[in-house]
Amino acid sequence: MTERIEAVERALSAVLARRGYELFDVTLTGQGKSRVLRVAIDREGGVDLDAITDATEAVSEVLDLEESLVPGPY
């Protein structure tokens, strides 16, 4: 799982950085349909709901394009 997390981190870091966010942590827990992918971000001045929405959209775009990063539901 470590290699998968590292691949996700590499894919998300640059995309989030372009939007002004620092990727803080990525975790993938659970199995099958009950897997949870958590992406923690930060930025200067803190993270508000608009930033969370923006980052979520960016993460979703990357994961939709690179389905092999996290195959199946999450």
N, C-alpha and C. Protein backbone atom coordinates (compact mmCIF):
# COMPACT_ATOMS: atom_id res chain seq x y z
N MET A 1 0.83 -1.19 0.00
CA MET A 1 0.00 0.00 0.00
C MET A 1 0.87 1.25 0.00
N THR A 2 2.06 1.17 0.56
CA THR A 2 2.94 2.34 0.61
C THR A 2 3.26 2.86 -0.79
N GLU A 3 3.53 1.97 -1.72
CA GLU A 3 3.83 2.41 -3.09
C GLU A 3 2.63 3.12 -3.71
N ARG A 4 1.44 2.62 -3.44
CA ARG A 4 0.22 3.24 -3.97
C ARG A 4 0.06 4.65 -3.39
N ILE A 5 0.25 4.79 -2.09
CA ILE A 5 0.13 6.11 -1.43
C ILE A 5 1.18 7.06 -2.00
N GLU A 6 2.39 6.59 -2.18
CA GLU A 6 3.45 7.44 -2.74
C GLU A 6 3.08 7.89 -4.15
N ALA A 7 2.50 7.01 -4.94
CA ALA A 7 2.08 7.38 -6.30
C ALA A 7 0.96 8.42 -6.26
N VAL A 8 0.02 8.26 -5.34
CA VAL A 8 -1.06 9.24 -5.18
C VAL A 8 -0.47 10.58 -4.76
N GLU A 9 0.45 10.56 -3.81
CA GLU A 9 1.08 11.81 -3.35
C GLU A 9 1.79 12.53 -4.49
N ARG A 10 2.53 11.77 -5.30
CA ARG A 10 3.23 12.39 -6.44
C ARG A 10 2.24 13.01 -7.41
N ALA A 11 1.17 12.31 -7.69
CA ALA A 11 0.18 12.81 -8.65
C ALA A 11 -0.55 14.04 -8.14
N LEU A 12 -0.81 14.09 -6.85
CA LEU A 12 -1.59 15.20 -6.29
C LEU A 12 -0.76 16.42 -5.92
N SER A 13 0.49 16.21 -5.52
CA SER A 13 1.33 17.31 -5.03
C SER A 13 1.40 18.49 -5.98
N ALA A 14 1.74 18.22 -7.22
CA ALA A 14 1.93 19.30 -8.20
C ALA A 14 0.62 20.01 -8.51
N VAL A 15 -0.45 19.23 -8.65
CA VAL A 15 -1.76 19.81 -8.97
C VAL A 15 -2.21 20.72 -7.83
N LEU A 16 -2.07 20.26 -6.61
CA LEU A 16 -2.48 21.07 -5.47
C LEU A 16 -1.57 22.28 -5.29
N ALA A 17 -0.27 22.11 -5.53
CA ALA A 17 0.67 23.23 -5.39
C ALA A 17 0.32 24.34 -6.37
N ARG A 18 -0.08 23.99 -7.58
CA ARG A 18 -0.47 25.01 -8.56
C ARG A 18 -1.67 25.82 -8.09
N ARG A 19 -2.46 25.24 -7.22
CA ARG A 19 -3.63 25.95 -6.69
C ARG A 19 -3.32 26.62 -5.34
N GLY A 20 -2.07 26.53 -4.92
CA GLY A 20 -1.66 27.21 -3.69
C GLY A 20 -1.74 26.38 -2.42
N TYR A 21 -1.88 25.06 -2.56
CA TYR A 21 -2.00 24.19 -1.39
C TYR A 21 -0.75 23.33 -1.23
N GLU A 22 -0.49 22.98 0.01
CA GLU A 22 0.58 22.04 0.32
C GLU A 22 -0.08 20.71 0.71
N LEU A 23 0.33 19.64 0.06
CA LEU A 23 -0.17 18.32 0.41
C LEU A 23 0.48 17.92 1.72
N PHE A 24 -0.33 17.69 2.73
CA PHE A 24 0.18 17.39 4.07
C PHE A 24 0.23 15.89 4.32
N ASP A 25 -0.82 15.17 3.91
CA ASP A 25 -0.87 13.73 4.18
C ASP A 25 -1.89 13.06 3.28
N VAL A 26 -1.65 11.80 2.95
CA VAL A 26 -2.60 10.97 2.21
C VAL A 26 -2.69 9.63 2.92
N THR A 27 -3.92 9.18 3.19
CA THR A 27 -4.12 7.85 3.77
C THR A 27 -5.23 7.14 3.01
N LEU A 28 -5.09 5.84 2.91
CA LEU A 28 -6.11 4.99 2.29
C LEU A 28 -6.37 3.86 3.27
N THR A 29 -7.59 3.80 3.81
CA THR A 29 -7.92 2.79 4.81
C THR A 29 -9.13 1.98 4.36
N GLY A 30 -9.34 0.86 5.00
CA GLY A 30 -10.48 0.02 4.71
C GLY A 30 -10.22 -0.90 3.53
N GLN A 31 -11.27 -1.65 3.18
CA GLN A 31 -11.17 -2.61 2.08
C GLN A 31 -12.45 -2.60 1.28
N GLY A 32 -12.34 -3.00 0.03
CA GLY A 32 -13.51 -3.11 -0.84
C GLY A 32 -14.26 -1.80 -0.97
N LYS A 33 -15.58 -1.88 -0.82
CA LYS A 33 -16.41 -0.69 -0.98
C LYS A 33 -16.33 0.25 0.22
N SER A 34 -15.71 -0.18 1.29
CA SER A 34 -15.63 0.68 2.48
C SER A 34 -14.27 1.36 2.62
N ARG A 35 -13.54 1.50 1.50
CA ARG A 35 -12.25 2.19 1.55
C ARG A 35 -12.47 3.70 1.65
N VAL A 36 -11.57 4.35 2.37
CA VAL A 36 -11.64 5.80 2.54
C VAL A 36 -10.28 6.38 2.17
N LEU A 37 -10.29 7.33 1.25
CA LEU A 37 -9.08 8.06 0.87
C LEU A 37 -9.16 9.43 1.53
N ARG A 38 -8.19 9.73 2.39
CA ARG A 38 -8.14 11.04 3.05
C ARG A 38 -6.94 11.81 2.52
N VAL A 39 -7.20 13.03 2.13
CA VAL A 39 -6.15 13.92 1.63
C VAL A 39 -6.16 15.16 2.52
N ALA A 40 -5.07 15.39 3.22
CA ALA A 40 -4.96 16.56 4.10
C ALA A 40 -4.09 17.61 3.42
N ILE A 41 -4.59 18.84 3.42
CA ILE A 41 -3.88 19.95 2.78
C ILE A 41 -3.71 21.10 3.77
N ASP A 42 -2.84 22.02 3.40
CA ASP A 42 -2.67 23.24 4.16
C ASP A 42 -2.29 24.33 3.18
N ARG A 43 -2.38 25.56 3.63
CA ARG A 43 -1.91 26.69 2.84
C ARG A 43 -1.71 27.86 3.79
N GLU A 44 -0.94 28.80 3.31
CA GLU A 44 -0.70 29.99 4.11
C GLU A 44 -2.04 30.67 4.39
N GLY A 45 -2.29 30.99 5.62
CA GLY A 45 -3.55 31.62 5.99
C GLY A 45 -4.64 30.63 6.37
N GLY A 46 -4.36 29.34 6.24
CA GLY A 46 -5.33 28.32 6.62
C GLY A 46 -6.21 27.87 5.47
N VAL A 47 -7.04 26.90 5.77
CA VAL A 47 -7.90 26.28 4.77
C VAL A 47 -9.36 26.48 5.20
N ASP A 48 -10.15 27.12 4.34
CA ASP A 48 -11.57 27.31 4.61
C ASP A 48 -12.39 26.38 3.71
N LEU A 49 -13.71 26.46 3.80
CA LEU A 49 -14.57 25.56 3.02
C LEU A 49 -14.40 25.75 1.52
N ASP A 50 -14.18 26.98 1.07
CA ASP A 50 -13.95 27.20 -0.36
C ASP A 50 -12.68 26.50 -0.82
N ALA A 51 -11.64 26.53 0.01
CA ALA A 51 -10.39 25.86 -0.33
C ALA A 51 -10.59 24.34 -0.37
N ILE A 52 -11.36 23.83 0.57
CA ILE A 52 -11.63 22.39 0.59
C ILE A 52 -12.38 21.98 -0.68
N THR A 53 -13.35 22.78 -1.07
CA THR A 53 -14.09 22.49 -2.30
C THR A 53 -13.17 22.51 -3.51
N ASP A 54 -12.33 23.52 -3.60
CA ASP A 54 -11.39 23.66 -4.71
C ASP A 54 -10.42 22.47 -4.75
N ALA A 55 -9.86 22.12 -3.61
CA ALA A 55 -8.91 21.02 -3.56
C ALA A 55 -9.59 19.69 -3.88
N THR A 56 -10.81 19.50 -3.40
CA THR A 56 -11.55 18.28 -3.68
C THR A 56 -11.78 18.11 -5.17
N GLU A 57 -12.14 19.19 -5.84
CA GLU A 57 -12.34 19.14 -7.29
C GLU A 57 -11.05 18.78 -8.01
N ALA A 58 -9.94 19.36 -7.57
CA ALA A 58 -8.64 19.06 -8.19
C ALA A 58 -8.26 17.60 -7.98
N VAL A 59 -8.44 17.10 -6.76
CA VAL A 59 -8.12 15.71 -6.45
C VAL A 59 -9.00 14.77 -7.27
N SER A 60 -10.28 15.07 -7.34
CA SER A 60 -11.20 14.22 -8.11
C SER A 60 -10.81 14.15 -9.58
N GLU A 61 -10.43 15.28 -10.15
CA GLU A 61 -10.01 15.30 -11.56
C GLU A 61 -8.81 14.39 -11.79
N VAL A 62 -7.83 14.48 -10.90
CA VAL A 62 -6.62 13.65 -11.04
C VAL A 62 -6.98 12.18 -10.91
N LEU A 63 -7.76 11.84 -9.89
CA LEU A 63 -8.09 10.43 -9.67
C LEU A 63 -8.99 9.87 -10.77
N ASP A 64 -9.84 10.71 -11.36
CA ASP A 64 -10.66 10.25 -12.48
C ASP A 64 -9.80 9.99 -13.72
N LEU A 65 -8.80 10.82 -13.94
CA LEU A 65 -7.92 10.64 -15.10
C LEU A 65 -6.94 9.49 -14.91
N GLU A 66 -6.50 9.30 -13.69
CA GLU A 66 -5.51 8.27 -13.36
C GLU A 66 -6.16 7.18 -12.51
N GLU A 67 -7.12 6.47 -13.07
CA GLU A 67 -7.88 5.48 -12.31
C GLU A 67 -7.03 4.40 -11.67
N SER A 68 -5.86 4.14 -12.21
CA SER A 68 -5.01 3.09 -11.65
C SER A 68 -4.41 3.49 -10.30
N LEU A 69 -4.43 4.77 -9.97
CA LEU A 69 -3.89 5.21 -8.68
C LEU A 69 -4.68 4.61 -7.52
N VAL A 70 -6.00 4.68 -7.61
CA VAL A 70 -6.87 4.12 -6.59
C VAL A 70 -8.01 3.40 -7.31
N PRO A 71 -7.75 2.16 -7.75
CA PRO A 71 -8.78 1.44 -8.49
C PRO A 71 -9.97 1.08 -7.59
N GLY A 72 -11.14 1.07 -8.18
CA GLY A 72 -12.34 0.70 -7.44
C GLY A 72 -12.88 1.86 -6.63
N PRO A 73 -13.91 1.58 -5.84
CA PRO A 73 -14.53 2.65 -5.04
C PRO A 73 -13.62 3.09 -3.90
N TYR A 74 -13.77 4.34 -3.51
CA TYR A 74 -13.03 4.88 -2.36
C TYR A 74 -13.84 5.97 -1.73
